[in-house]
Amino acid sequence: MNVTKRTGRPRTFDYDTALLHAMSVFWEKGYDGASMRDLTAAMGITGPSLYAAYGDKSELYLKTIDRYSASDACTPLVALESEDDIEKALHAFLCEVIQFATGHEGGAKGCYIASSAVAATGQVDGVGERVKAVMEEAENRLTARFQKEVDKGKLPPDFPARSRAAMLFDLRQGYMFRGRAGGSKDEMLKDVPDRVRLLLSE
């Protein structure tokens, strides 16, 4: 007797696009403020389809954090690591940060981790660990970029790579806060050369 294995119905929506729409809702309304109706409407799917593809609301939220961490959150870091000259690298990093702070392709401003995920720490299991991991990875990569210049002899042997990395991370968060509060992109860009000099000062 032949048994035909039944397969689930194929998805009629793009998984990643729908996830980005869910992120936009969480970004705008926060975890508590985003209703399932808001999410399904933005994602263009039904409730059963949401549960089948992403799990419940908390699992969906964690997936949006992972999606952001793997793409948007890394863009300034990639700019920093791709430029050989440290001054140009820092300039590129800060310009990318300001671009994200003042306008995102999804219409949101600021940083999803800082503006949404941090607020849900303690409310949703797994958020705190993800936020901590994102921060640690960012500071480690920033430190490594400064240390690379120390190893090349472009910065002095006693240059405080770790503390300047922490300063750069804090600058990033400050720009994100200013952008979310409606700060001007042009005004923030004017500050970049002074910030770069400060970060490299001995």
Protein backbone atom coordinates (compact mmCIF):
# COMPACT_ATOMS: atom_id res chain seq x y z
CA MET A 1 0.00 0.00 0.00
CA ASN A 2 1.46 3.33 -1.04
CA VAL A 3 1.08 6.19 1.39
CA THR A 4 1.31 9.67 -0.04
CA LYS A 5 2.93 12.08 2.37
CA ARG A 6 0.94 15.25 2.74
CA THR A 7 2.88 18.47 2.77
CA GLY A 8 1.91 21.80 4.22
CA ARG A 9 0.49 24.49 2.02
CA PRO A 10 3.22 26.65 0.47
CA ARG A 11 3.62 30.17 1.81
CA THR A 12 1.91 32.86 -0.18
CA PHE A 13 4.01 35.65 1.35
CA ASP A 14 7.67 36.60 1.55
CA TYR A 15 8.99 35.59 4.97
CA ASP A 16 11.66 38.29 5.30
CA THR A 17 9.48 41.11 3.97
CA ALA A 18 6.71 40.25 6.41
CA LEU A 19 9.25 40.10 9.22
CA LEU A 20 10.47 43.61 8.34
CA HIS A 21 6.88 44.86 8.45
CA ALA A 22 6.47 43.32 11.90
CA MET A 23 9.66 45.03 13.01
CA SER A 24 8.26 48.38 11.87
CA VAL A 25 5.16 47.85 14.02
CA PHE A 26 7.19 46.90 17.09
CA TRP A 27 9.55 49.82 16.42
CA GLU A 28 6.69 52.30 16.30
CA LYS A 29 4.46 50.92 19.06
CA GLY A 30 6.76 48.88 21.28
CA TYR A 31 6.20 45.27 22.27
CA ASP A 32 3.20 45.89 24.51
CA GLY A 33 1.59 48.42 22.17
CA ALA A 34 1.74 46.16 19.12
CA SER A 35 -1.42 44.07 18.91
CA MET A 36 -1.74 40.88 16.89
CA ARG A 37 -4.20 42.74 14.68
CA ASP A 38 -1.58 45.45 14.06
CA LEU A 39 1.02 42.84 13.22
CA THR A 40 -1.07 40.69 10.88
CA ALA A 41 -2.37 43.78 9.08
CA ALA A 42 1.15 45.15 8.53
CA MET A 43 2.53 41.75 7.53
CA GLY A 44 -0.35 41.04 5.16
CA ILE A 45 -1.02 37.59 6.63
CA THR A 46 -3.59 35.86 8.79
CA GLY A 47 -3.17 34.95 12.43
CA PRO A 48 -2.75 31.21 11.71
CA SER A 49 -0.11 31.98 9.07
CA LEU A 50 1.77 34.16 11.55
CA TYR A 51 1.82 31.41 14.18
CA ALA A 52 2.81 28.77 11.65
CA ALA A 53 5.73 30.79 10.25
CA TYR A 54 6.99 32.76 13.26
CA GLY A 55 5.47 31.34 16.43
CA ASP A 56 3.66 33.48 18.97
CA LYS A 57 4.09 37.22 19.49
CA SER A 58 7.17 36.87 21.69
CA GLU A 59 8.87 34.51 19.23
CA LEU A 60 8.10 36.90 16.40
CA TYR A 61 9.60 39.74 18.41
CA LEU A 62 12.81 37.80 19.03
CA LYS A 63 13.04 37.04 15.32
CA THR A 64 12.82 40.76 14.50
CA ILE A 65 15.70 41.46 16.92
CA ASP A 66 17.79 38.72 15.32
CA ARG A 67 16.99 40.08 11.86
CA TYR A 68 18.01 43.61 12.81
CA SER A 69 21.17 42.46 14.59
CA ALA A 70 22.29 40.47 11.57
CA SER A 71 21.82 43.29 9.08
CA ASP A 72 21.04 46.90 9.99
CA ALA A 73 22.95 46.96 13.27
CA CYS A 74 26.14 45.85 11.49
CA THR A 75 26.17 48.39 8.68
CA PRO A 76 28.18 51.07 10.56
CA LEU A 77 30.60 48.39 11.79
CA VAL A 78 31.16 47.14 8.26
CA ALA A 79 31.90 50.71 7.19
CA LEU A 80 34.42 51.03 10.03
CA GLU A 81 36.15 47.76 9.20
CA SER A 82 36.20 48.26 5.43
CA GLU A 83 38.19 51.52 5.44
CA ASP A 84 41.96 51.16 5.91
CA ASP A 85 42.61 54.71 7.16
CA ILE A 86 41.42 55.02 10.76
CA GLU A 87 40.26 58.64 10.44
CA LYS A 88 38.24 57.83 7.35
CA ALA A 89 36.98 54.66 9.02
CA LEU A 90 35.67 56.55 12.05
CA HIS A 91 34.16 59.21 9.81
CA ALA A 92 32.38 56.52 7.75
CA PHE A 93 31.12 54.80 10.90
CA LEU A 94 29.65 57.96 12.39
CA CYS A 95 28.09 59.03 9.09
CA GLU A 96 26.38 55.65 8.78
CA VAL A 97 25.16 55.95 12.36
CA ILE A 98 23.71 59.40 11.66
CA GLN A 99 22.03 58.12 8.51
CA PHE A 100 20.32 55.40 10.54
CA ALA A 101 19.51 57.86 13.32
CA THR A 102 17.72 60.32 11.06
CA GLY A 103 16.00 58.09 8.57
CA HIS A 104 15.59 54.37 8.03
CA GLU A 105 14.25 52.80 4.84
CA GLY A 106 11.35 51.49 6.88
CA GLY A 107 10.49 54.98 8.08
CA ALA A 108 11.73 54.46 11.65
CA LYS A 109 14.43 56.49 13.30
CA GLY A 110 17.06 55.59 15.83
CA CYS A 111 18.18 52.08 16.72
CA TYR A 112 15.72 49.20 17.01
CA ILE A 113 17.79 47.61 19.77
CA ALA A 114 18.04 50.82 21.80
CA SER A 115 14.56 52.18 21.19
CA SER A 116 12.47 49.01 21.27
CA ALA A 117 14.33 45.92 22.44
CA VAL A 118 15.85 47.49 25.56
CA ALA A 119 12.37 48.52 26.72
CA ALA A 120 11.21 44.89 26.47
CA THR A 121 14.08 43.50 28.55
CA GLY A 122 12.52 41.69 31.47
CA GLN A 123 9.16 41.44 29.70
CA VAL A 124 10.08 38.93 27.00
CA ASP A 125 12.35 35.99 27.72
CA GLY A 126 15.44 36.08 25.53
CA VAL A 127 15.49 39.83 24.86
CA GLY A 128 17.99 40.70 27.59
CA GLU A 129 20.46 38.09 26.40
CA ARG A 130 20.17 39.29 22.82
CA VAL A 131 20.68 42.94 23.76
CA LYS A 132 23.74 42.08 25.84
CA ALA A 133 25.18 39.97 23.02
CA VAL A 134 24.70 42.77 20.47
CA MET A 135 26.42 45.29 22.76
CA GLU A 136 29.33 42.97 23.52
CA GLU A 137 29.89 42.11 19.86
CA ALA A 138 29.80 45.78 18.87
CA GLU A 139 32.30 46.87 21.55
CA ASN A 140 34.60 43.95 20.73
CA ARG A 141 34.64 44.84 17.04
CA LEU A 142 35.21 48.53 17.81
CA THR A 143 38.06 47.64 20.15
CA ALA A 144 39.62 45.37 17.52
CA ARG A 145 39.55 48.19 14.97
CA PHE A 146 41.46 50.54 17.28
CA GLN A 147 43.84 47.76 18.30
CA LYS A 148 44.60 47.09 14.64
CA GLU A 149 45.96 50.63 14.37
CA VAL A 150 48.02 50.12 17.53
CA ASP A 151 49.49 46.94 16.07
CA LYS A 152 50.36 48.77 12.83
CA GLY A 153 52.09 51.52 14.78
CA LYS A 154 49.60 54.17 13.65
CA LEU A 155 48.45 54.67 17.24
CA PRO A 156 50.72 54.63 20.32
CA PRO A 157 51.25 51.33 22.20
CA ASP A 158 49.42 52.65 25.25
CA PHE A 159 46.40 53.88 23.27
CA PRO A 160 43.25 52.94 25.29
CA ALA A 161 41.56 50.89 22.59
CA ARG A 162 38.88 49.42 24.84
CA SER A 163 37.85 52.69 26.47
CA ARG A 164 37.77 54.54 23.12
CA ALA A 165 35.63 51.73 21.74
CA ALA A 166 33.22 52.26 24.63
CA MET A 167 33.25 56.00 23.91
CA LEU A 168 32.49 55.37 20.24
CA PHE A 169 29.63 53.05 21.17
CA ASP A 170 28.23 55.69 23.50
CA LEU A 171 28.51 58.30 20.73
CA ARG A 172 26.56 55.96 18.50
CA GLN A 173 23.80 55.65 21.07
CA GLY A 174 23.77 59.41 21.59
CA TYR A 175 23.28 60.02 17.88
CA MET A 176 20.50 57.45 17.82
CA PHE A 177 18.76 59.21 20.69
CA ARG A 178 19.13 62.61 19.02
CA GLY A 179 17.79 61.25 15.75
CA ARG A 180 14.74 59.72 17.40
CA ALA A 181 14.13 63.05 19.12
CA GLY A 182 14.06 64.82 15.74
CA GLY A 183 17.67 66.04 15.53
CA SER A 184 18.90 67.44 12.23
CA LYS A 185 21.07 65.19 10.09
CA ASP A 186 23.08 68.16 8.79
CA GLU A 187 23.72 69.49 12.29
CA MET A 188 24.92 66.10 13.49
CA LEU A 189 27.19 65.65 10.48
CA LYS A 190 28.92 68.95 11.33
CA ASP A 191 30.07 67.38 14.61
CA VAL A 192 31.74 64.37 13.00
CA PRO A 193 35.27 65.79 12.39
CA ASP A 194 35.52 66.97 16.02
CA ARG A 195 34.27 63.60 17.27
CA VAL A 196 36.89 61.80 15.19
CA ARG A 197 39.68 63.99 16.58
CA LEU A 198 38.45 63.37 20.10
CA LEU A 199 38.38 59.61 19.60
CA LEU A 200 41.98 59.58 18.31
CA SER A 201 43.43 62.07 20.77
CA GLU A 202 46.27 60.84 22.98
